[in-house]
Each structure stands twice: as C-alpha cells, then as structure tokens.
PDB file of N, CA and C in Angstrom:
ATOM      1  N   MET A   1     -30.781 -18.646  50.401  1.00  0.00           N
ATOM      2  CA  MET A   1     -30.130 -18.529  49.358  1.00  0.00           C
ATOM      3  C   MET A   1     -31.492 -18.572  47.710  1.00  0.00           C
ATOM      4  N   GLU A   2     -31.017 -17.342  47.569  1.00  0.00           N
ATOM      5  CA  GLU A   2     -32.035 -16.542  46.631  1.00  0.00           C
ATOM      6  C   GLU A   2     -31.370 -16.457  45.368  1.00  0.00           C
ATOM      7  N   VAL A   3     -31.371 -16.593  44.074  1.00  0.00           N
ATOM      8  CA  VAL A   3     -30.254 -16.509  42.913  1.00  0.00           C
ATOM      9  C   VAL A   3     -31.253 -15.812  41.838  1.00  0.00           C
ATOM     10  N   GLU A   4     -30.618 -14.465  41.749  1.00  0.00           N
ATOM     11  CA  GLU A   4     -30.930 -14.108  40.508  1.00  0.00           C
ATOM     12  C   GLU A   4     -30.964 -14.439  39.374  1.00  0.00           C
ATOM     13  N   GLN A   5     -32.266 -14.274  38.145  1.00  0.00           N
ATOM     14  CA  GLN A   5     -32.020 -14.635  37.183  1.00  0.00           C
ATOM     15  C   GLN A   5     -31.291 -13.709  36.205  1.00  0.00           C
ATOM     16  N   SER A   6     -30.705 -13.696  34.421  1.00  0.00           N
ATOM     17  CA  SER A   6     -29.758 -12.974  34.114  1.00  0.00           C
ATOM     18  C   SER A   6     -31.455 -12.400  33.198  1.00  0.00           C
ATOM     19  N   PRO A   7     -30.713 -11.038  33.155  1.00  0.00           N
ATOM     20  CA  PRO A   7     -32.244 -10.890  32.211  1.00  0.00           C
ATOM     21  C   PRO A   7     -32.096 -11.585  30.597  1.00  0.00           C
ATOM     22  N   ASP A   8     -33.160 -10.926  30.057  1.00  0.00           N
ATOM     23  CA  ASP A   8     -33.485 -11.678  28.450  1.00  0.00           C
ATOM     24  C   ASP A   8     -32.066 -10.800  28.283  1.00  0.00           C
ATOM     25  N   ARG A   9     -32.620  -9.174  28.035  1.00  0.00           N
ATOM     26  CA  ARG A   9     -31.607  -8.676  26.933  1.00  0.00           C
ATOM     27  C   ARG A   9     -30.329  -8.093  27.688  1.00  0.00           C
ATOM     28  N   ILE A  10     -29.546  -8.198  26.746  1.00  0.00           N
ATOM     29  CA  ILE A  10     -28.020  -7.280  27.741  1.00  0.00           C
ATOM     30  C   ILE A  10     -27.970  -6.252  26.341  1.00  0.00           C
ATOM     31  N   ASN A  11     -27.731  -4.958  26.278  1.00  0.00           N
ATOM     32  CA  ASN A  11     -28.404  -3.850  26.116  1.00  0.00           C
ATOM     33  C   ASN A  11     -26.849  -3.452  25.903  1.00  0.00           C
ATOM     34  N   ILE A  12     -25.908  -3.278  24.705  1.00  0.00           N
ATOM     35  CA  ILE A  12     -24.310  -3.092  24.924  1.00  0.00           C
ATOM     36  C   ILE A  12     -23.925  -2.043  23.550  1.00  0.00           C
ATOM     37  N   GLU A  13     -23.667  -1.130  24.864  1.00  0.00           N
ATOM     38  CA  GLU A  13     -23.900   0.860  23.319  1.00  0.00           C
ATOM     39  C   GLU A  13     -22.086   1.210  23.311  1.00  0.00           C
ATOM     40  N   TYR A  14     -21.946   1.231  21.795  1.00  0.00           N
ATOM     41  CA  TYR A  14     -20.654   1.070  21.069  1.00  0.00           C
ATOM     42  C   TYR A  14     -20.498   3.145  21.574  1.00  0.00           C
ATOM     43  N   LYS A  15     -20.137   3.661  21.638  1.00  0.00           N
ATOM     44  CA  LYS A  15     -19.321   4.580  21.669  1.00  0.00           C
ATOM     45  C   LYS A  15     -18.148   5.237  20.775  1.00  0.00           C
ATOM     46  N   ASP A  16     -18.225   5.165  19.584  1.00  0.00           N
ATOM     47  CA  ASP A  16     -16.495   5.692  18.637  1.00  0.00           C
ATOM     48  C   ASP A  16     -16.474   6.607  19.331  1.00  0.00           C
ATOM     49  N   ASP A  17     -14.671   6.637  19.077  1.00  0.00           N
ATOM     50  CA  ASP A  17     -14.268   7.927  19.708  1.00  0.00           C
ATOM     51  C   ASP A  17     -13.359   8.314  18.278  1.00  0.00           C
ATOM     52  N   TYR A  18     -12.803   9.119  18.875  1.00  0.00           N
ATOM     53  CA  TYR A  18     -11.318   9.810  17.959  1.00  0.00           C
ATOM     54  C   TYR A  18     -10.603   8.700  17.332  1.00  0.00           C
ATOM     55  N   GLY A  19      -9.975   7.655  18.699  1.00  0.00           N
ATOM     56  CA  GLY A  19      -8.874   6.311  18.548  1.00  0.00           C
ATOM     57  C   GLY A  19      -9.148   5.880  18.039  1.00  0.00           C
ATOM     58  N   SER A  20     -10.390   5.752  17.171  1.00  0.00           N
ATOM     59  CA  SER A  20     -10.733   4.069  16.040  1.00  0.00           C
ATOM     60  C   SER A  20     -10.672   5.010  14.549  1.00  0.00           C
ATOM     61  N   LEU A  21     -10.827   6.097  15.174  1.00  0.00           N
ATOM     62  CA  LEU A  21     -10.636   6.766  13.601  1.00  0.00           C
ATOM     63  C   LEU A  21      -8.594   7.011  13.116  1.00  0.00           C
ATOM     64  N   ALA A  22      -9.243   7.336  14.087  1.00  0.00           N
ATOM     65  CA  ALA A  22      -6.814   8.371  13.795  1.00  0.00           C
ATOM     66  C   ALA A  22      -6.609   6.433  13.533  1.00  0.00           C
ATOM     67  N   VAL A  23      -7.431   4.997  14.476  1.00  0.00           N
ATOM     68  CA  VAL A  23      -6.447   4.103  13.139  1.00  0.00           C
ATOM     69  C   VAL A  23      -6.847   3.927  11.919  1.00  0.00           C
ATOM     70  N   PHE A  24      -7.595   3.913  11.801  1.00  0.00           N
ATOM     71  CA  PHE A  24      -8.530   3.865  10.318  1.00  0.00           C
ATOM     72  C   PHE A  24      -7.294   4.983   9.364  1.00  0.00           C
ATOM     73  N   ILE A  25      -7.335   6.155   9.782  1.00  0.00           N
ATOM     74  CA  ILE A  25      -6.952   7.220   8.453  1.00  0.00           C
ATOM     75  C   ILE A  25      -5.514   7.164   8.317  1.00  0.00           C
ATOM     76  N   SER A  26      -4.611   6.116   9.324  1.00  0.00           N
ATOM     77  CA  SER A  26      -3.366   5.830   9.817  1.00  0.00           C
ATOM     78  C   SER A  26      -2.886   4.605   9.228  1.00  0.00           C
ATOM     79  N   SER A  27      -4.125   3.755   8.741  1.00  0.00           N
ATOM     80  CA  SER A  27      -4.046   2.361   8.236  1.00  0.00           C
ATOM     81  C   SER A  27      -3.593   3.294   6.603  1.00  0.00           C
ATOM     82  N   ILE A  28      -5.100   3.753   5.790  1.00  0.00           N
ATOM     83  CA  ILE A  28      -4.768   4.526   4.822  1.00  0.00           C
ATOM     84  C   ILE A  28      -3.689   4.744   4.876  1.00  0.00           C
ATOM     85  N   LEU A  29      -3.448   6.132   5.169  1.00  0.00           N
ATOM     86  CA  LEU A  29      -2.005   6.165   5.227  1.00  0.00           C
ATOM     87  C   LEU A  29      -0.707   6.045   4.741  1.00  0.00           C
ATOM     88  N   LEU A  30      -0.141   4.294   5.600  1.00  0.00           N
ATOM     89  CA  LEU A  30       0.261   3.455   5.255  1.00  0.00           C
ATOM     90  C   LEU A  30       0.130   2.680   4.427  1.00  0.00           C
ATOM     91  N   SER A  31      -0.922   2.251   4.334  1.00  0.00           N
ATOM     92  CA  SER A  31      -0.976   1.192   2.993  1.00  0.00           C
ATOM     93  C   SER A  31      -0.778   2.597   1.638  1.00  0.00           C
ATOM     94  N   ALA A  32      -1.201   3.731   1.761  1.00  0.00           N
ATOM     95  CA  ALA A  32      -1.083   4.463   0.187  1.00  0.00           C
ATOM     96  C   ALA A  32       0.472   4.608   0.279  1.00  0.00           C
ATOM     97  N   GLY A  33       1.583   4.582   1.121  1.00  0.00           N
ATOM     98  CA  GLY A  33       3.145   4.989   1.212  1.00  0.00           C
ATOM     99  C   GLY A  33       3.170   3.825   1.037  1.00  0.00           C
ATOM    100  N   GLY A  34       2.965   1.983   1.391  1.00  0.00           N
ATOM    101  CA  GLY A  34       3.676   1.551   0.998  1.00  0.00           C
ATOM    102  C   GLY A  34       3.940   0.698  -0.536  1.00  0.00           C
ATOM    103  N   PHE A  35       2.626   1.466  -1.285  1.00  0.00           N
ATOM    104  CA  PHE A  35       2.169   1.108  -2.572  1.00  0.00           C
ATOM    105  C   PHE A  35       3.140   2.916  -3.229  1.00  0.00           C
ATOM    106  N   LEU A  36       2.847   3.347  -2.836  1.00  0.00           N
ATOM    107  CA  LEU A  36       3.945   4.184  -3.537  1.00  0.00           C
ATOM    108  C   LEU A  36       5.258   3.784  -4.164  1.00  0.00           C
ATOM    109  N   GLY A  37       5.558   3.398  -2.034  1.00  0.00           N
ATOM    110  CA  GLY A  37       7.457   2.535  -2.548  1.00  0.00           C
ATOM    111  C   GLY A  37       7.706   1.456  -3.410  1.00  0.00           C
ATOM    112  N   ILE A  38       6.892   1.314  -3.622  1.00  0.00           N
ATOM    113  CA  ILE A  38       6.439   0.052  -4.406  1.00  0.00           C
ATOM    114  C   ILE A  38       6.617   0.921  -6.035  1.00  0.00           C
ATOM    115  N   ILE A  39       5.724   0.632  -5.944  1.00  0.00           N
ATOM    116  CA  ILE A  39       5.492   2.159  -7.512  1.00  0.00           C
ATOM    117  C   ILE A  39       7.040   2.503  -7.331  1.00  0.00           C
ATOM    118  N   ILE A  40       7.901   3.323  -7.172  1.00  0.00           N
ATOM    119  CA  ILE A  40       9.452   4.311  -7.386  1.00  0.00           C
ATOM    120  C   ILE A  40      10.071   3.116  -7.435  1.00  0.00           C
ATOM    121  N   SER A  41       9.671   2.182  -6.872  1.00  0.00           N
ATOM    122  CA  SER A  41      10.942   0.622  -6.363  1.00  0.00           C
ATOM    123  C   SER A  41      10.899   0.012  -8.014  1.00  0.00           C
ATOM    124  N   ALA A  42      10.184  -0.360  -8.954  1.00  0.00           N
ATOM    125  CA  ALA A  42       9.418  -0.637  -9.746  1.00  0.00           C
ATOM    126  C   ALA A  42       9.814   0.220 -11.046  1.00  0.00           C
ATOM    127  N   ILE A  43       9.736   1.709 -10.831  1.00  0.00           N
ATOM    128  CA  ILE A  43      10.420   3.163 -12.098  1.00  0.00           C
ATOM    129  C   ILE A  43      12.032   2.922 -11.853  1.00  0.00           C
ATOM    130  N   HIS A  44      12.553   2.826 -10.506  1.00  0.00           N
ATOM    131  CA  HIS A  44      13.977   2.978 -10.037  1.00  0.00           C
ATOM    132  C   HIS A  44      14.774   1.736 -11.470  1.00  0.00           C
ATOM    133  N   SER A  45      14.301   0.032 -10.464  1.00  0.00           N
ATOM    134  CA  SER A  45      14.765  -0.847 -11.139  1.00  0.00           C
ATOM    135  C   SER A  45      14.277  -0.742 -12.689  1.00  0.00           C
ATOM    136  N   SER A  46      13.637   0.087 -13.491  1.00  0.00           N
ATOM    137  CA  SER A  46      13.412   0.357 -14.892  1.00  0.00           C
ATOM    138  C   SER A  46      14.648   0.493 -15.991  1.00  0.00           C
ATOM    139  N   ARG A  47      14.306  -0.146 -16.883  1.00  0.00           N
ATOM    140  CA  ARG A  47      15.812   0.756 -18.108  1.00  0.00           C
ATOM    141  C   ARG A  47      14.775   1.917 -18.490  1.00  0.00           C
ATOM    142  N   CYS A  48      13.841   2.736 -17.955  1.00  0.00           N
ATOM    143  CA  CYS A  48      13.730   3.268 -18.609  1.00  0.00           C
ATOM    144  C   CYS A  48      14.610   4.554 -18.685  1.00  0.00           C
ATOM    145  N   THR A  49      14.349   5.558 -20.085  1.00  0.00           N
ATOM    146  CA  THR A  49      15.296   6.438 -20.341  1.00  0.00           C
ATOM    147  C   THR A  49      14.175   8.179 -20.022  1.00  0.00           C
ATOM    148  N   SER A  50      13.504   7.995 -19.761  1.00  0.00           N
ATOM    149  CA  SER A  50      12.521   8.795 -19.968  1.00  0.00           C
ATOM    150  C   SER A  50      10.774   8.297 -19.617  1.00  0.00           C
ATOM    151  N   ILE A  51      10.133   8.787 -18.694  1.00  0.00           N
ATOM    152  CA  ILE A  51       8.668   7.939 -18.212  1.00  0.00           C
ATOM    153  C   ILE A  51       7.628   9.026 -18.063  1.00  0.00           C
ATOM    154  N   SER A  52       6.440   8.891 -18.493  1.00  0.00           N
ATOM    155  CA  SER A  52       5.157   9.798 -18.784  1.00  0.00           C
ATOM    156  C   SER A  52       4.334   9.132 -18.080  1.00  0.00           C
ATOM    157  N   ILE A  53       4.626   9.745 -16.127  1.00  0.00           N
ATOM    158  CA  ILE A  53       3.448   8.808 -15.447  1.00  0.00           C
ATOM    159  C   ILE A  53       1.917   8.194 -15.632  1.00  0.00           C
ATOM    160  N   LEU A  54       1.216   9.765 -15.868  1.00  0.00           N
ATOM    161  CA  LEU A  54      -0.074   9.651 -16.248  1.00  0.00           C
ATOM    162  C   LEU A  54      -0.774   8.975 -17.225  1.00  0.00           C
ATOM    163  N   GLY A  55       0.364   9.135 -18.409  1.00  0.00           N
ATOM    164  CA  GLY A  55       0.031   8.714 -20.094  1.00  0.00           C
ATOM    165  C   GLY A  55       0.778   7.409 -19.715  1.00  0.00           C
ATOM    166  N   SER A  56       1.204   7.385 -19.355  1.00  0.00           N
ATOM    167  CA  SER A  56       1.832   5.105 -19.324  1.00  0.00           C
ATOM    168  C   SER A  56       3.228   5.152 -20.532  1.00  0.00           C
ATOM    169  N   LYS A  57       3.780   6.288 -20.290  1.00  0.00           N
ATOM    170  CA  LYS A  57       4.745   6.359 -21.569  1.00  0.00           C
ATOM    171  C   LYS A  57       5.931   5.891 -21.113  1.00  0.00           C
ATOM    172  N   CYS A  58       6.778   5.003 -21.733  1.00  0.00           N
ATOM    173  CA  CYS A  58       8.521   5.027 -20.907  1.00  0.00           C
ATOM    174  C   CYS A  58       9.302   4.194 -22.520  1.00  0.00           C
ATOM    175  N   THR A  59       9.999   5.645 -22.372  1.00  0.00           N
ATOM    176  CA  THR A  59      11.091   4.602 -24.031  1.00  0.00           C
ATOM    177  C   THR A  59      12.435   4.364 -23.409  1.00  0.00           C
ATOM    178  N   ARG A  60      12.441   3.292 -23.994  1.00  0.00           N
ATOM    179  CA  ARG A  60      13.714   2.670 -23.149  1.00  0.00           C
ATOM    180  C   ARG A  60      14.992   2.506 -24.200  1.00  0.00           C
ATOM    181  N   LYS A  61      15.902   2.237 -23.980  1.00  0.00           N
ATOM    182  CA  LYS A  61      17.382   2.690 -24.308  1.00  0.00           C
ATOM    183  C   LYS A  61      17.418   1.116 -24.463  1.00  0.00           C
ATOM    184  N   LEU A  62      17.055  -0.424 -25.041  1.00  0.00           N
ATOM    185  CA  LEU A  62      18.348  -1.654 -25.433  1.00  0.00           C
ATOM    186  C   LEU A  62      19.076  -1.855 -25.813  1.00  0.00           C
ATOM    187  N   PRO A  63      19.722  -3.024 -24.979  1.00  0.00           N
ATOM    188  CA  PRO A  63      20.879  -2.928 -25.013  1.00  0.00           C
ATOM    189  C   PRO A  63      21.147  -3.855 -26.172  1.00  0.00           C
ATOM    190  N   PRO A  64      22.129  -3.935 -27.298  1.00  0.00           N
ATOM    191  CA  PRO A  64      22.371  -4.633 -28.657  1.00  0.00           C
ATOM    192  C   PRO A  64      22.113  -6.160 -28.167  1.00  0.00           C
ATOM    193  N   ILE A  65      21.177  -6.777 -29.446  1.00  0.00           N
ATOM    194  CA  ILE A  65      20.603  -8.374 -29.668  1.00  0.00           C
ATOM    195  C   ILE A  65      22.340  -8.975 -29.002  1.00  0.00           C
ATOM    196  N   ASP A  66      23.066  -8.646 -30.150  1.00  0.00           N
ATOM    197  CA  ASP A  66      24.409  -9.747 -29.645  1.00  0.00           C
ATOM    198  C   ASP A  66      25.314  -9.322 -28.331  1.00  0.00           C
ATOM    199  N   SER A  67      24.600  -8.551 -27.397  1.00  0.00           N
ATOM    200  CA  SER A  67      25.019  -8.613 -26.130  1.00  0.00           C
ATOM    201  C   SER A  67      25.351  -9.986 -25.083  1.00  0.00           C
ATOM    202  N   PRO A  68      26.614 -10.178 -24.812  1.00  0.00           N
ATOM    203  CA  PRO A  68      26.367 -11.332 -23.747  1.00  0.00           C
ATOM    204  C   PRO A  68      25.959 -11.247 -22.562  1.00  0.00           C
ATOM    205  N   LYS A  69      26.001 -10.075 -22.685  1.00  0.00           N
ATOM    206  CA  LYS A  69      25.512  -9.865 -20.627  1.00  0.00           C
ATOM    207  C   LYS A  69      25.196  -8.530 -20.690  1.00  0.00           C
ATOM    208  N   VAL A  70      23.954  -8.489 -19.646  1.00  0.00           N
ATOM    209  CA  VAL A  70      23.382  -7.511 -19.247  1.00  0.00           C
ATOM    210  C   VAL A  70      23.254  -7.080 -17.800  1.00  0.00           C
ATOM    211  N   SER A  71      23.632  -5.438 -17.612  1.00  0.00           N
ATOM    212  CA  SER A  71      24.417  -4.782 -16.717  1.00  0.00           C
ATOM    213  C   SER A  71      22.380  -4.984 -15.738  1.00  0.00           C
ATOM    214  N   THR A  72      22.790  -5.246 -14.413  1.00  0.00           N
ATOM    215  CA  THR A  72      21.646  -5.283 -14.445  1.00  0.00           C
ATOM    216  C   THR A  72      21.756  -4.235 -12.813  1.00  0.00           C
ATOM    217  N   GLU A  73      23.023  -3.831 -12.379  1.00  0.00           N
ATOM    218  CA  GLU A  73      23.405  -2.720 -11.412  1.00  0.00           C
ATOM    219  C   GLU A  73      22.633  -1.919 -11.563  1.00  0.00           C
ATOM    220  N   VAL A  74      22.661  -0.791 -10.474  1.00  0.00           N
ATOM    221  CA  VAL A  74      21.182   0.423 -10.004  1.00  0.00           C
ATOM    222  C   VAL A  74      22.344   1.766  -9.557  1.00  0.00           C
TER     223      VAL A  74
END
C-alpha cells in the first residue's frame, strides 16, 4: 500500500463575481435607508414648526410653563 504525502503548499484562488458586489451595495443601501428612517422619525416626533435641515435650524413653539400636561400625540 502506497500513501501519498500531502503537498507543502495549497493554493486557493478567489475569483470575485458580481454577487459579492451586489451584497455590498445592497447592505450600504439598506443601512442608509435605516438611517434616514430614524432621522425622519425623530423629525416627525419633534415639536419644531419649521425645520432647516442643512442649517440645523428648528423653530419651536413651546407650551406655557403653567401647563400641567403636555400632549405627546402625533
């Protein structure tokens, strides 16, 4: 019985295809969509009456200090 010895080096070639690129692009798009969803949700639940996004300006109308209860309904 003759036993062959294993080679000293094993070469593995990795060939990139469009599938991995598609997974990468879709993960970036899904992350950006989730981030935008969080930002829109925060803007929607804020008390700002006018918002300037790039300048980060928010004009708010606050209730009087004497008010016992503040409505948080959307």
